[in-house]
């Protein structure tokens, strides 16, 4: 280990330490299907931001607060 002098040596050590594994076709198919389901769920949810109640309530409260504050500010500056 004390004679590590180049990238080639480090590469050889890493290749020996981390041997690639081979998965069965069944496991690969299960992983692929699960990944596709998760991607579909994420992309479906990201398109419908306005439908989510957890996101919609804070947005509406912010807009309402802004309008109230703006109306109050206008009423003070005009009088």
PDB file of N, CA and C in Angstrom:
ATOM      1  N   UNK A   1       0.812  -1.195   0.000  1.00  0.00           N
ATOM      2  CA  UNK A   1       0.000   0.000   0.000  1.00  0.00           C
ATOM      3  C   UNK A   1       0.854   1.256   0.000  1.00  0.00           C
ATOM      4  N   UNK A   2       2.119   1.171   0.438  1.00  0.00           N
ATOM      5  CA  UNK A   2       2.941   2.377   0.498  1.00  0.00           C
ATOM      6  C   UNK A   2       3.494   2.755  -0.860  1.00  0.00           C
ATOM      7  N   UNK A   3       3.337   1.886  -1.854  1.00  0.00           N
ATOM      8  CA  UNK A   3       3.893   2.152  -3.169  1.00  0.00           C
ATOM      9  C   UNK A   3       2.795   2.578  -4.151  1.00  0.00           C
ATOM     10  N   UNK A   4       1.891   3.406  -3.714  1.00  0.00           N
ATOM     11  CA  UNK A   4       0.848   3.924  -4.602  1.00  0.00           C
ATOM     12  C   UNK A   4       1.385   5.195  -5.222  1.00  0.00           C
ATOM     13  N   UNK A   5       1.700   5.129  -6.526  1.00  0.00           N
ATOM     14  CA  UNK A   5       2.343   6.280  -7.142  1.00  0.00           C
ATOM     15  C   UNK A   5       1.584   6.860  -8.326  1.00  0.00           C
ATOM     16  N   UNK A   6       0.542   6.252  -8.745  1.00  0.00           N
ATOM     17  CA  UNK A   6      -0.147   6.792  -9.907  1.00  0.00           C
ATOM     18  C   UNK A   6      -1.608   6.403  -9.966  1.00  0.00           C
ATOM     19  N   UNK A   7      -2.272   6.999 -10.919  1.00  0.00           N
ATOM     20  CA  UNK A   7      -3.700   6.728 -11.099  1.00  0.00           C
ATOM     21  C   UNK A   7      -3.950   5.285 -11.504  1.00  0.00           C
ATOM     22  N   UNK A   8      -3.013   4.714 -12.241  1.00  0.00           N
ATOM     23  CA  UNK A   8      -3.163   3.330 -12.678  1.00  0.00           C
ATOM     24  C   UNK A   8      -3.197   2.376 -11.495  1.00  0.00           C
ATOM     25  N   UNK A   9      -2.317   2.599 -10.537  1.00  0.00           N
ATOM     26  CA  UNK A   9      -2.268   1.749  -9.351  1.00  0.00           C
ATOM     27  C   UNK A   9      -3.538   1.903  -8.527  1.00  0.00           C
ATOM     28  N   UNK A  10      -3.979   3.128  -8.374  1.00  0.00           N
ATOM     29  CA  UNK A  10      -5.204   3.375  -7.624  1.00  0.00           C
ATOM     30  C   UNK A  10      -6.384   2.712  -8.333  1.00  0.00           C
ATOM     31  N   UNK A  11      -6.412   2.816  -9.652  1.00  0.00           N
ATOM     32  CA  UNK A  11      -7.476   2.181 -10.426  1.00  0.00           C
ATOM     33  C   UNK A  11      -7.486   0.671 -10.246  1.00  0.00           C
ATOM     34  N   UNK A  12      -6.313   0.042 -10.234  1.00  0.00           N
ATOM     35  CA  UNK A  12      -6.233  -1.407 -10.030  1.00  0.00           C
ATOM     36  C   UNK A  12      -6.738  -1.800  -8.652  1.00  0.00           C
ATOM     37  N   UNK A  13      -6.367  -1.011  -7.640  1.00  0.00           N
ATOM     38  CA  UNK A  13      -6.805  -1.310  -6.275  1.00  0.00           C
ATOM     39  C   UNK A  13      -8.326  -1.189  -6.170  1.00  0.00           C
ATOM     40  N   UNK A  14      -8.879  -0.142  -6.771  1.00  0.00           N
ATOM     41  CA  UNK A  14     -10.333   0.043  -6.719  1.00  0.00           C
ATOM     42  C   UNK A  14     -11.067  -1.063  -7.464  1.00  0.00           C
ATOM     43  N   UNK A  15     -10.550  -1.460  -8.617  1.00  0.00           N
ATOM     44  CA  UNK A  15     -11.195  -2.539  -9.367  1.00  0.00           C
ATOM     45  C   UNK A  15     -11.169  -3.849  -8.582  1.00  0.00           C
ATOM     46  N   UNK A  16     -10.091  -4.103  -7.839  1.00  0.00           N
ATOM     47  CA  UNK A  16     -10.020  -5.319  -7.027  1.00  0.00           C
ATOM     48  C   UNK A  16     -10.955  -5.245  -5.829  1.00  0.00           C
ATOM     49  N   UNK A  17     -11.076  -4.061  -5.238  1.00  0.00           N
ATOM     50  CA  UNK A  17     -11.903  -3.911  -4.039  1.00  0.00           C
ATOM     51  C   UNK A  17     -13.387  -3.936  -4.373  1.00  0.00           C
ATOM     52  N   UNK A  18     -13.760  -3.340  -5.478  1.00  0.00           N
ATOM     53  CA  UNK A  18     -15.178  -3.213  -5.843  1.00  0.00           C
ATOM     54  C   UNK A  18     -15.447  -3.984  -7.123  1.00  0.00           C
ATOM     55  N   UNK A  19     -15.661  -5.267  -6.963  1.00  0.00           N
ATOM     56  CA  UNK A  19     -15.962  -6.111  -8.105  1.00  0.00           C
ATOM     57  C   UNK A  19     -17.412  -5.873  -8.525  1.00  0.00           C
ATOM     58  N   UNK A  20     -17.668  -5.721  -9.817  1.00  0.00           N
ATOM     59  CA  UNK A  20     -19.050  -5.526 -10.264  1.00  0.00           C
ATOM     60  C   UNK A  20     -19.879  -6.789 -10.023  1.00  0.00           C
ATOM     61  N   UNK A  21     -21.132  -6.598  -9.723  1.00  0.00           N
ATOM     62  CA  UNK A  21     -22.020  -7.732  -9.533  1.00  0.00           C
ATOM     63  C   UNK A  21     -22.948  -7.827 -10.734  1.00  0.00           C
ATOM     64  N   UNK A  22     -23.434  -8.997 -10.961  1.00  0.00           N
ATOM     65  CA  UNK A  22     -24.385  -9.171 -12.065  1.00  0.00           C
ATOM     66  C   UNK A  22     -25.731  -9.566 -11.475  1.00  0.00           C
ATOM     67  N   UNK A  23     -26.748  -8.833 -11.856  1.00  0.00           N
ATOM     68  CA  UNK A  23     -28.095  -9.095 -11.373  1.00  0.00           C
ATOM     69  C   UNK A  23     -28.828 -10.014 -12.341  1.00  0.00           C
ATOM     70  N   UNK A  24     -29.762 -10.737 -11.800  1.00  0.00           N
ATOM     71  CA  UNK A  24     -30.565 -11.596 -12.655  1.00  0.00           C
ATOM     72  C   UNK A  24     -31.518 -10.728 -13.473  1.00  0.00           C
ATOM     73  N   UNK A  25     -31.952 -11.210 -14.622  1.00  0.00           N
ATOM     74  CA  UNK A  25     -32.888 -10.430 -15.447  1.00  0.00           C
ATOM     75  C   UNK A  25     -34.182 -10.092 -14.704  1.00  0.00           C
ATOM     76  N   UNK A  26     -34.619 -10.966 -13.816  1.00  0.00           N
ATOM     77  CA  UNK A  26     -35.840 -10.722 -13.055  1.00  0.00           C
ATOM     78  C   UNK A  26     -35.674  -9.502 -12.147  1.00  0.00           C
ATOM     79  N   UNK A  27     -34.552  -9.417 -11.458  1.00  0.00           N
ATOM     80  CA  UNK A  27     -34.284  -8.288 -10.567  1.00  0.00           C
ATOM     81  C   UNK A  27     -34.143  -7.006 -11.372  1.00  0.00           C
ATOM     82  N   UNK A  28     -33.463  -7.070 -12.503  1.00  0.00           N
ATOM     83  CA  UNK A  28     -33.320  -5.891 -13.356  1.00  0.00           C
ATOM     84  C   UNK A  28     -34.674  -5.371 -13.815  1.00  0.00           C
ATOM     85  N   UNK A  29     -35.568  -6.288 -14.187  1.00  0.00           N
ATOM     86  CA  UNK A  29     -36.901  -5.894 -14.636  1.00  0.00           C
ATOM     87  C   UNK A  29     -37.706  -5.264 -13.500  1.00  0.00           C
ATOM     88  N   UNK A  30     -37.593  -5.813 -12.306  1.00  0.00           N
ATOM     89  CA  UNK A  30     -38.296  -5.245 -11.148  1.00  0.00           C
ATOM     90  C   UNK A  30     -37.795  -3.835 -10.842  1.00  0.00           C
ATOM     91  N   UNK A  31     -36.498  -3.651 -10.892  1.00  0.00           N
ATOM     92  CA  UNK A  31     -35.920  -2.324 -10.642  1.00  0.00           C
ATOM     93  C   UNK A  31     -36.378  -1.341 -11.709  1.00  0.00           C
ATOM     94  N   UNK A  32     -36.363  -1.773 -12.961  1.00  0.00           N
ATOM     95  CA  UNK A  32     -36.791  -0.907 -14.059  1.00  0.00           C
ATOM     96  C   UNK A  32     -38.254  -0.502 -13.903  1.00  0.00           C
ATOM     97  N   UNK A  33     -39.117  -1.457 -13.555  1.00  0.00           N
ATOM     98  CA  UNK A  33     -40.543  -1.154 -13.381  1.00  0.00           C
ATOM     99  C   UNK A  33     -40.771  -0.195 -12.215  1.00  0.00           C
ATOM    100  N   UNK A  34     -40.080  -0.426 -11.117  1.00  0.00           N
ATOM    101  CA  UNK A  34     -40.227   0.457  -9.955  1.00  0.00           C
ATOM    102  C   UNK A  34     -39.748   1.866 -10.279  1.00  0.00           C
ATOM    103  N   UNK A  35     -38.644   1.968 -10.987  1.00  0.00           N
ATOM    104  CA  UNK A  35     -38.119   3.272 -11.378  1.00  0.00           C
ATOM    105  C   UNK A  35     -39.105   4.005 -12.284  1.00  0.00           C
ATOM    106  N   UNK A  36     -39.695   3.312 -13.235  1.00  0.00           N
ATOM    107  CA  UNK A  36     -40.670   3.940 -14.123  1.00  0.00           C
ATOM    108  C   UNK A  36     -41.903   4.413 -13.360  1.00  0.00           C
ATOM    109  N   UNK A  37     -42.351   3.627 -12.386  1.00  0.00           N
ATOM    110  CA  UNK A  37     -43.514   4.026 -11.585  1.00  0.00           C
ATOM    111  C   UNK A  37     -43.183   5.275 -10.768  1.00  0.00           C
ATOM    112  N   UNK A  38     -41.999   5.326 -10.165  1.00  0.00           N
ATOM    113  CA  UNK A  38     -41.607   6.485  -9.363  1.00  0.00           C
ATOM    114  C   UNK A  38     -41.428   7.727 -10.231  1.00  0.00           C
ATOM    115  N   UNK A  39     -40.871   7.567 -11.414  1.00  0.00           N
ATOM    116  CA  UNK A  39     -40.711   8.704 -12.323  1.00  0.00           C
ATOM    117  C   UNK A  39     -42.073   9.221 -12.757  1.00  0.00           C
ATOM    118  N   UNK A  40     -42.975   8.320 -13.068  1.00  0.00           N
ATOM    119  CA  UNK A  40     -44.318   8.727 -13.480  1.00  0.00           C
ATOM    120  C   UNK A  40     -45.042   9.455 -12.351  1.00  0.00           C
ATOM    121  N   UNK A  41     -44.899   8.959 -11.132  1.00  0.00           N
ATOM    122  CA  UNK A  41     -45.554   9.599  -9.987  1.00  0.00           C
ATOM    123  C   UNK A  41     -44.992  10.996  -9.755  1.00  0.00           C
ATOM    124  N   UNK A  42     -43.690  11.149  -9.888  1.00  0.00           N
ATOM    125  CA  UNK A  42     -43.068  12.466  -9.684  1.00  0.00           C
ATOM    126  C   UNK A  42     -43.471  13.434 -10.786  1.00  0.00           C
ATOM    127  N   UNK A  43     -43.457  13.005 -12.007  1.00  0.00           N
ATOM    128  CA  UNK A  43     -43.797  13.907 -13.103  1.00  0.00           C
ATOM    129  C   UNK A  43     -45.278  14.244 -13.097  1.00  0.00           C
ATOM    130  N   UNK A  44     -46.117  13.314 -12.676  1.00  0.00           N
ATOM    131  CA  UNK A  44     -47.554  13.582 -12.614  1.00  0.00           C
ATOM    132  C   UNK A  44     -47.856  14.604 -11.529  1.00  0.00           C
ATOM    133  N   UNK A  45     -47.207  14.480 -10.386  1.00  0.00           N
ATOM    134  CA  UNK A  45     -47.442  15.400  -9.286  1.00  0.00           C
ATOM    135  C   UNK A  45     -46.900  16.788  -9.552  1.00  0.00           C
ATOM    136  N   UNK A  46     -45.836  16.894 -10.312  1.00  0.00           N
ATOM    137  CA  UNK A  46     -45.237  18.208 -10.547  1.00  0.00           C
ATOM    138  C   UNK A  46     -46.064  19.034 -11.528  1.00  0.00           C
ATOM    139  N   UNK A  47     -46.880  18.400 -12.344  1.00  0.00           N
ATOM    140  CA  UNK A  47     -47.710  19.140 -13.284  1.00  0.00           C
ATOM    141  C   UNK A  47     -48.935  19.747 -12.615  1.00  0.00           C
ATOM    142  N   UNK A  48     -49.344  19.218 -11.510  1.00  0.00           N
ATOM    143  CA  UNK A  48     -50.575  19.665 -10.885  1.00  0.00           C
ATOM    144  C   UNK A  48     -50.300  20.417  -9.587  1.00  0.00           C
ATOM    145  N   UNK A  49     -49.501  21.463  -9.652  1.00  0.00           N
ATOM    146  CA  UNK A  49     -49.165  22.225  -8.460  1.00  0.00           C
ATOM    147  C   UNK A  49     -50.373  22.962  -7.904  1.00  0.00           C
ATOM    148  N   UNK A  50     -51.250  23.431  -8.766  1.00  0.00           N
ATOM    149  CA  UNK A  50     -52.376  24.238  -8.312  1.00  0.00           C
ATOM    150  C   UNK A  50     -53.481  23.406  -7.680  1.00  0.00           C
ATOM    151  N   UNK A  51     -53.454  22.096  -7.881  1.00  0.00           N
ATOM    152  CA  UNK A  51     -54.498  21.235  -7.350  1.00  0.00           C
ATOM    153  C   UNK A  51     -54.195  20.827  -5.907  1.00  0.00           C
ATOM    154  N   UNK A  52     -52.937  20.855  -5.525  1.00  0.00           N
ATOM    155  CA  UNK A  52     -52.547  20.418  -4.190  1.00  0.00           C
ATOM    156  C   UNK A  52     -53.028  21.395  -3.123  1.00  0.00           C
ATOM    157  N   UNK A  53     -53.807  20.930  -2.149  1.00  0.00           N
ATOM    158  CA  UNK A  53     -54.300  21.844  -1.111  1.00  0.00           C
ATOM    159  C   UNK A  53     -53.188  22.366  -0.214  1.00  0.00           C
ATOM    160  N   UNK A  54     -52.185  21.570   0.056  1.00  0.00           N
ATOM    161  CA  UNK A  54     -51.097  22.024   0.919  1.00  0.00           C
ATOM    162  C   UNK A  54     -50.321  23.164   0.278  1.00  0.00           C
ATOM    163  N   UNK A  55     -50.277  23.192  -1.006  1.00  0.00           N
ATOM    164  CA  UNK A  55     -49.584  24.263  -1.707  1.00  0.00           C
ATOM    165  C   UNK A  55     -50.514  25.418  -2.004  1.00  0.00           C
ATOM    166  N   UNK A  56     -51.762  25.131  -2.259  1.00  0.00           N
ATOM    167  CA  UNK A  56     -52.716  26.166  -2.649  1.00  0.00           C
ATOM    168  C   UNK A  56     -53.070  27.092  -1.496  1.00  0.00           C
ATOM    169  N   UNK A  57     -53.229  26.571  -0.292  1.00  0.00           N
ATOM    170  CA  UNK A  57     -53.625  27.385   0.859  1.00  0.00           C
ATOM    171  C   UNK A  57     -52.591  28.469   1.161  1.00  0.00           C
ATOM    172  N   UNK A  58     -51.300  28.160   1.268  1.00  0.00           N
ATOM    173  CA  UNK A  58     -50.335  29.230   1.530  1.00  0.00           C
ATOM    174  C   UNK A  58     -50.271  30.271   0.410  1.00  0.00           C
ATOM    175  N   UNK A  59     -50.446  29.828  -0.817  1.00  0.00           N
ATOM    176  CA  UNK A  59     -50.422  30.776  -1.933  1.00  0.00           C
ATOM    177  C   UNK A  59     -51.602  31.737  -1.823  1.00  0.00           C
ATOM    178  N   UNK A  60     -52.791  31.214  -1.563  1.00  0.00           N
ATOM    179  CA  UNK A  60     -53.969  32.075  -1.442  1.00  0.00           C
ATOM    180  C   UNK A  60     -53.872  33.000  -0.235  1.00  0.00           C
ATOM    181  N   UNK A  61     -53.351  32.510   0.878  1.00  0.00           N
ATOM    182  CA  UNK A  61     -53.170  33.349   2.065  1.00  0.00           C
ATOM    183  C   UNK A  61     -52.179  34.465   1.779  1.00  0.00           C
ATOM    184  N   UNK A  62     -51.102  34.177   1.065  1.00  0.00           N
ATOM    185  CA  UNK A  62     -50.115  35.206   0.718  1.00  0.00           C
ATOM    186  C   UNK A  62     -50.729  36.273  -0.177  1.00  0.00           C
ATOM    187  N   UNK A  63     -51.475  35.840  -1.153  1.00  0.00           N
ATOM    188  CA  UNK A  63     -52.103  36.800  -2.071  1.00  0.00           C
ATOM    189  C   UNK A  63     -53.107  37.673  -1.317  1.00  0.00           C
ATOM    190  N   UNK A  64     -53.918  37.045  -0.475  1.00  0.00           N
ATOM    191  CA  UNK A  64     -54.906  37.807   0.291  1.00  0.00           C
ATOM    192  C   UNK A  64     -54.221  38.791   1.234  1.00  0.00           C
ATOM    193  N   UNK A  65     -53.167  38.361   1.904  1.00  0.00           N
ATOM    194  CA  UNK A  65     -52.434  39.256   2.809  1.00  0.00           C
ATOM    195  C   UNK A  65     -51.826  40.421   2.046  1.00  0.00           C
ATOM    196  N   UNK A  66     -51.267  40.142   0.900  1.00  0.00           N
ATOM    197  CA  UNK A  66     -50.685  41.199   0.080  1.00  0.00           C
ATOM    198  C   UNK A  66     -51.726  42.204  -0.366  1.00  0.00           C
ATOM    199  N   UNK A  67     -52.874  41.727  -0.776  1.00  0.00           N
ATOM    200  CA  UNK A  67     -53.942  42.637  -1.209  1.00  0.00           C
ATOM    201  C   UNK A  67     -54.467  43.480  -0.049  1.00  0.00           C
ATOM    202  N   UNK A  68     -54.608  42.879   1.121  1.00  0.00           N
ATOM    203  CA  UNK A  68     -55.063  43.626   2.292  1.00  0.00           C
ATOM    204  C   UNK A  68     -54.038  44.689   2.670  1.00  0.00           C
ATOM    205  N   UNK A  69     -52.765  44.300   2.701  1.00  0.00           N
ATOM    206  CA  UNK A  69     -51.717  45.259   3.050  1.00  0.00           C
ATOM    207  C   UNK A  69     -51.650  46.384   2.014  1.00  0.00           C
ATOM    208  N   UNK A  70     -51.792  46.051   0.745  1.00  0.00           N
ATOM    209  CA  UNK A  70     -51.766  47.072  -0.304  1.00  0.00           C
ATOM    210  C   UNK A  70     -52.965  48.009  -0.170  1.00  0.00           C
ATOM    211  N   UNK A  71     -54.141  47.475   0.113  1.00  0.00           N
ATOM    212  CA  UNK A  71     -55.324  48.302   0.309  1.00  0.00           C
ATOM    213  C   UNK A  71     -55.174  49.216   1.512  1.00  0.00           C
ATOM    214  N   UNK A  72     -54.620  48.709   2.580  1.00  0.00           N
ATOM    215  CA  UNK A  72     -54.382  49.525   3.773  1.00  0.00           C
ATOM    216  C   UNK A  72     -53.386  50.639   3.472  1.00  0.00           C
ATOM    217  N   UNK A  73     -52.315  50.300   2.753  1.00  0.00           N
ATOM    218  CA  UNK A  73     -51.297  51.297   2.410  1.00  0.00           C
ATOM    219  C   UNK A  73     -51.882  52.391   1.505  1.00  0.00           C
ATOM    220  N   UNK A  74     -52.693  51.989   0.537  1.00  0.00           N
ATOM    221  CA  UNK A  74     -53.336  52.966  -0.357  1.00  0.00           C
ATOM    222  C   UNK A  74     -54.261  53.887   0.450  1.00  0.00           C
ATOM    223  N   UNK A  75     -55.030  53.313   1.379  1.00  0.00           N
ATOM    224  CA  UNK A  75     -55.963  54.132   2.144  1.00  0.00           C
ATOM    225  C   UNK A  75     -55.221  55.126   3.028  1.00  0.00           C
ATOM    226  N   UNK A  76     -54.076  54.755   3.546  1.00  0.00           N
ATOM    227  CA  UNK A  76     -53.289  55.675   4.385  1.00  0.00           C
ATOM    228  C   UNK A  76     -52.662  56.780   3.542  1.00  0.00           C
ATOM    229  N   UNK A  77     -52.130  56.430   2.393  1.00  0.00           N
ATOM    230  CA  UNK A  77     -51.446  57.438   1.566  1.00  0.00           C
ATOM    231  C   UNK A  77     -52.427  58.404   0.905  1.00  0.00           C
ATOM    232  N   UNK A  78     -53.640  58.000   0.643  1.00  0.00           N
ATOM    233  CA  UNK A  78     -54.606  58.883  -0.012  1.00  0.00           C
ATOM    234  C   UNK A  78     -55.275  59.828   0.976  1.00  0.00           C
ATOM    235  N   UNK A  79     -55.313  59.505   2.237  1.00  0.00           N
ATOM    236  CA  UNK A  79     -55.962  60.395   3.218  1.00  0.00           C
ATOM    237  C   UNK A  79     -54.959  61.316   3.729  1.00  0.00           C
TER     238      UNK A  79
END
